């Protein structure tokens, strides 16, 4: 399965510069050319509002504004990119955290260390099989 990620604006959000470099290198390997990075959720929010991305890859645990809090803000029906596909990365892979990420409205959850194949497959799933969004009083997301 091949996906053309070259035209996509992809935002990588992680407090670890090393992890951002790894994920960005994987994305470049897939053909992505428009990769934006943010070091925490607050930094990401500023950048998202200036230029909404087509896909977000976000770490869960970060200072200032963590991934879960950021997803809650993004998944507001009137937010500039409320429908953007979100892939959550985390080294904390307890069942409760995976379920919580689903309830937040992420499209996919990946455990660290992430493989290029797993990341590519999740991105392909988001692009090739977009999920319909559900909106209730308690949930907004795919």
C-alpha atoms as a PDB file:
ATOM      1  CA  UNK A   1       0.000   0.000   0.000  1.00  0.00           C
ATOM      2  CA  UNK A   2       1.425   3.342  -1.079  1.00  0.00           C
ATOM      3  CA  UNK A   3       0.406   6.760   0.159  1.00  0.00           C
ATOM      4  CA  UNK A   4       1.718  10.066  -1.133  1.00  0.00           C
ATOM      5  CA  UNK A   5       2.593  12.106   1.943  1.00  0.00           C
ATOM      6  CA  UNK A   6       4.587  14.764   0.059  1.00  0.00           C
ATOM      7  CA  UNK A   7       1.713  17.274  -0.102  1.00  0.00           C
ATOM      8  CA  UNK A   8       0.788  16.889   3.579  1.00  0.00           C
ATOM      9  CA  UNK A   9       1.656  19.323   6.348  1.00  0.00           C
ATOM     10  CA  UNK A  10       2.564  17.048   9.257  1.00  0.00           C
ATOM     11  CA  UNK A  11       3.164  18.304  12.791  1.00  0.00           C
ATOM     12  CA  UNK A  12       5.380  16.303  15.153  1.00  0.00           C
ATOM     13  CA  UNK A  13       4.934  17.267  18.809  1.00  0.00           C
ATOM     14  CA  UNK A  14       7.300  15.834  21.410  1.00  0.00           C
ATOM     15  CA  UNK A  15       9.314  17.384  24.236  1.00  0.00           C
ATOM     16  CA  UNK A  16      12.293  15.233  23.249  1.00  0.00           C
ATOM     17  CA  UNK A  17      14.281  16.827  20.421  1.00  0.00           C
ATOM     18  CA  UNK A  18      15.805  13.401  19.766  1.00  0.00           C
ATOM     19  CA  UNK A  19      12.375  11.789  19.315  1.00  0.00           C
ATOM     20  CA  UNK A  20      11.228  14.640  17.048  1.00  0.00           C
ATOM     21  CA  UNK A  21      14.310  14.078  14.877  1.00  0.00           C
ATOM     22  CA  UNK A  22      13.639  10.322  14.676  1.00  0.00           C
ATOM     23  CA  UNK A  23       9.972  10.732  13.728  1.00  0.00           C
ATOM     24  CA  UNK A  24      10.792  13.531  11.265  1.00  0.00           C
ATOM     25  CA  UNK A  25      13.478  11.353   9.653  1.00  0.00           C
ATOM     26  CA  UNK A  26      10.937   8.545   9.256  1.00  0.00           C
ATOM     27  CA  UNK A  27       8.479  10.986   7.684  1.00  0.00           C
ATOM     28  CA  UNK A  28      11.125  12.245   5.252  1.00  0.00           C
ATOM     29  CA  UNK A  29      11.838   8.612   4.398  1.00  0.00           C
ATOM     30  CA  UNK A  30       8.148   8.208   3.506  1.00  0.00           C
ATOM     31  CA  UNK A  31       8.409  11.233   1.198  1.00  0.00           C
ATOM     32  CA  UNK A  32       7.068  13.961   3.504  1.00  0.00           C
ATOM     33  CA  UNK A  33       8.496  17.384   2.796  1.00  0.00           C
ATOM     34  CA  UNK A  34       6.401  19.697   4.971  1.00  0.00           C
ATOM     35  CA  UNK A  35       7.183  18.642   8.519  1.00  0.00           C
ATOM     36  CA  UNK A  36       6.661  21.051  11.397  1.00  0.00           C
ATOM     37  CA  UNK A  37       7.871  20.423  14.931  1.00  0.00           C
ATOM     38  CA  UNK A  38       6.734  21.621  18.344  1.00  0.00           C
ATOM     39  CA  UNK A  39       8.293  20.906  21.739  1.00  0.00           C
ATOM     40  CA  UNK A  40       5.056  20.823  23.752  1.00  0.00           C
ATOM     41  CA  UNK A  41       1.320  21.311  23.416  1.00  0.00           C
ATOM     42  CA  UNK A  42       1.424  25.060  24.005  1.00  0.00           C
ATOM     43  CA  UNK A  43       4.027  25.546  21.270  1.00  0.00           C
ATOM     44  CA  UNK A  44       1.960  23.294  18.995  1.00  0.00           C
ATOM     45  CA  UNK A  45      -1.252  25.263  19.582  1.00  0.00           C
ATOM     46  CA  UNK A  46       0.416  28.484  18.442  1.00  0.00           C
ATOM     47  CA  UNK A  47       1.775  26.826  15.313  1.00  0.00           C
ATOM     48  CA  UNK A  48      -1.477  24.999  14.550  1.00  0.00           C
ATOM     49  CA  UNK A  49      -3.465  28.223  14.666  1.00  0.00           C
ATOM     50  CA  UNK A  50      -1.005  29.880  12.243  1.00  0.00           C
ATOM     51  CA  UNK A  51      -0.913  26.922   9.838  1.00  0.00           C
ATOM     52  CA  UNK A  52      -3.305  24.009  10.473  1.00  0.00           C
ATOM     53  CA  UNK A  53      -1.625  20.673   9.722  1.00  0.00           C
ATOM     54  CA  UNK A  54      -3.075  17.779   7.733  1.00  0.00           C
ATOM     55  CA  UNK A  55      -1.905  15.257  10.345  1.00  0.00           C
ATOM     56  CA  UNK A  56      -0.615  15.407  13.919  1.00  0.00           C
ATOM     57  CA  UNK A  57       1.778  13.004  15.615  1.00  0.00           C
ATOM     58  CA  UNK A  58       1.904  13.809  19.315  1.00  0.00           C
ATOM     59  CA  UNK A  59       3.604  12.447  22.425  1.00  0.00           C
ATOM     60  CA  UNK A  60       1.402  11.942  25.460  1.00  0.00           C
ATOM     61  CA  UNK A  61       3.764  13.011  28.260  1.00  0.00           C
ATOM     62  CA  UNK A  62       5.108  16.553  27.870  1.00  0.00           C
ATOM     63  CA  UNK A  63       5.528  19.548  30.163  1.00  0.00           C
ATOM     64  CA  UNK A  64       3.376  22.689  29.972  1.00  0.00           C
ATOM     65  CA  UNK A  65       0.519  21.150  27.931  1.00  0.00           C
ATOM     66  CA  UNK A  66       0.652  17.383  27.454  1.00  0.00           C
ATOM     67  CA  UNK A  67      -0.655  15.368  24.517  1.00  0.00           C
ATOM     68  CA  UNK A  68      -3.955  14.449  26.169  1.00  0.00           C
ATOM     69  CA  UNK A  69      -4.730  18.070  27.027  1.00  0.00           C
ATOM     70  CA  UNK A  70      -3.766  19.153  23.508  1.00  0.00           C
ATOM     71  CA  UNK A  71      -6.048  16.547  21.916  1.00  0.00           C
ATOM     72  CA  UNK A  72      -8.941  17.742  24.117  1.00  0.00           C
ATOM     73  CA  UNK A  73      -8.412  21.276  22.809  1.00  0.00           C
ATOM     74  CA  UNK A  74      -8.101  20.182  19.180  1.00  0.00           C
ATOM     75  CA  UNK A  75     -11.176  17.953  19.322  1.00  0.00           C
ATOM     76  CA  UNK A  76     -13.533  20.874  19.842  1.00  0.00           C
ATOM     77  CA  UNK A  77     -16.019  21.046  16.930  1.00  0.00           C
ATOM     78  CA  UNK A  78     -15.174  24.683  16.148  1.00  0.00           C
ATOM     79  CA  UNK A  79     -11.382  24.367  16.419  1.00  0.00           C
ATOM     80  CA  UNK A  80      -9.430  25.233  13.261  1.00  0.00           C
ATOM     81  CA  UNK A  81      -8.396  21.603  12.633  1.00  0.00           C
ATOM     82  CA  UNK A  82     -10.856  19.614  14.736  1.00  0.00           C
ATOM     83  CA  UNK A  83     -11.046  16.843  12.127  1.00  0.00           C
ATOM     84  CA  UNK A  84      -7.302  16.372  11.630  1.00  0.00           C
ATOM     85  CA  UNK A  85      -6.024  12.786  12.028  1.00  0.00           C
ATOM     86  CA  UNK A  86      -4.087  12.416  15.278  1.00  0.00           C
ATOM     87  CA  UNK A  87      -1.600   9.661  16.090  1.00  0.00           C
ATOM     88  CA  UNK A  88      -0.664   9.490  19.771  1.00  0.00           C
ATOM     89  CA  UNK A  89       2.802   8.199  20.704  1.00  0.00           C
ATOM     90  CA  UNK A  90       3.683   7.100  24.202  1.00  0.00           C
ATOM     91  CA  UNK A  91       6.118   5.012  26.155  1.00  0.00           C
ATOM     92  CA  UNK A  92       3.285   4.484  28.636  1.00  0.00           C
ATOM     93  CA  UNK A  93       1.304   1.686  27.071  1.00  0.00           C
ATOM     94  CA  UNK A  94      -0.942   0.555  29.874  1.00  0.00           C
ATOM     95  CA  UNK A  95      -4.361  -0.587  28.680  1.00  0.00           C
ATOM     96  CA  UNK A  96      -5.989   2.298  30.557  1.00  0.00           C
ATOM     97  CA  UNK A  97      -3.894   4.840  28.647  1.00  0.00           C
ATOM     98  CA  UNK A  98      -4.681   3.275  25.278  1.00  0.00           C
ATOM     99  CA  UNK A  99      -8.402   3.342  26.095  1.00  0.00           C
ATOM    100  CA  UNK A 100      -8.150   6.915  27.380  1.00  0.00           C
ATOM    101  CA  UNK A 101      -6.518   8.037  24.126  1.00  0.00           C
ATOM    102  CA  UNK A 102      -9.407   6.543  22.197  1.00  0.00           C
ATOM    103  CA  UNK A 103     -11.883   8.413  24.391  1.00  0.00           C
ATOM    104  CA  UNK A 104      -9.953  11.631  23.711  1.00  0.00           C
ATOM    105  CA  UNK A 105     -10.527  11.205  19.986  1.00  0.00           C
ATOM    106  CA  UNK A 106      -7.167  10.080  18.618  1.00  0.00           C
ATOM    107  CA  UNK A 107      -7.152   8.019  15.448  1.00  0.00           C
ATOM    108  CA  UNK A 108      -4.324   5.702  16.482  1.00  0.00           C
ATOM    109  CA  UNK A 109      -2.084   4.963  19.460  1.00  0.00           C
ATOM    110  CA  UNK A 110       1.521   3.843  18.943  1.00  0.00           C
ATOM    111  CA  UNK A 111       3.947   2.722  21.612  1.00  0.00           C
ATOM    112  CA  UNK A 112       7.513   3.975  21.789  1.00  0.00           C
ATOM    113  CA  UNK A 113       9.927   3.044  20.476  1.00  0.00           C
ATOM    114  CA  UNK A 114       7.935   3.379  17.272  1.00  0.00           C
ATOM    115  CA  UNK A 115       8.897   1.512  14.123  1.00  0.00           C
ATOM    116  CA  UNK A 116       8.795   3.112  10.701  1.00  0.00           C
ATOM    117  CA  UNK A 117       6.478   0.365   9.466  1.00  0.00           C
ATOM    118  CA  UNK A 118       3.971   0.890  12.296  1.00  0.00           C
ATOM    119  CA  UNK A 119       3.974   4.660  11.803  1.00  0.00           C
ATOM    120  CA  UNK A 120       3.545   4.353   8.038  1.00  0.00           C
ATOM    121  CA  UNK A 121       0.691   1.853   8.422  1.00  0.00           C
ATOM    122  CA  UNK A 122      -1.183   4.125  10.861  1.00  0.00           C
ATOM    123  CA  UNK A 123      -0.692   7.118   8.600  1.00  0.00           C
ATOM    124  CA  UNK A 124      -1.912   5.101   5.613  1.00  0.00           C
ATOM    125  CA  UNK A 125      -4.973   4.015   7.559  1.00  0.00           C
ATOM    126  CA  UNK A 126      -5.797   7.644   8.397  1.00  0.00           C
ATOM    127  CA  UNK A 127      -5.446   8.699   4.768  1.00  0.00           C
ATOM    128  CA  UNK A 128      -6.955   5.721   2.938  1.00  0.00           C
ATOM    129  CA  UNK A 129      -9.761   4.963   5.387  1.00  0.00           C
ATOM    130  CA  UNK A 130     -10.820   8.206   7.045  1.00  0.00           C
ATOM    131  CA  UNK A 131     -13.225   7.644   9.918  1.00  0.00           C
ATOM    132  CA  UNK A 132     -16.501   9.438  10.230  1.00  0.00           C
ATOM    133  CA  UNK A 133     -16.697  11.762  13.206  1.00  0.00           C
ATOM    134  CA  UNK A 134     -19.144  11.340  16.031  1.00  0.00           C
ATOM    135  CA  UNK A 135     -20.417  14.314  17.998  1.00  0.00           C
ATOM    136  CA  UNK A 136     -22.257  13.908  21.293  1.00  0.00           C
ATOM    137  CA  UNK A 137     -22.419  15.951  24.468  1.00  0.00           C
ATOM    138  CA  UNK A 138     -19.459  13.977  25.849  1.00  0.00           C
ATOM    139  CA  UNK A 139     -17.403  13.060  22.773  1.00  0.00           C
ATOM    140  CA  UNK A 140     -16.209  14.559  19.518  1.00  0.00           C
ATOM    141  CA  UNK A 141     -13.904  12.524  17.339  1.00  0.00           C
ATOM    142  CA  UNK A 142     -13.495   9.551  15.030  1.00  0.00           C
END
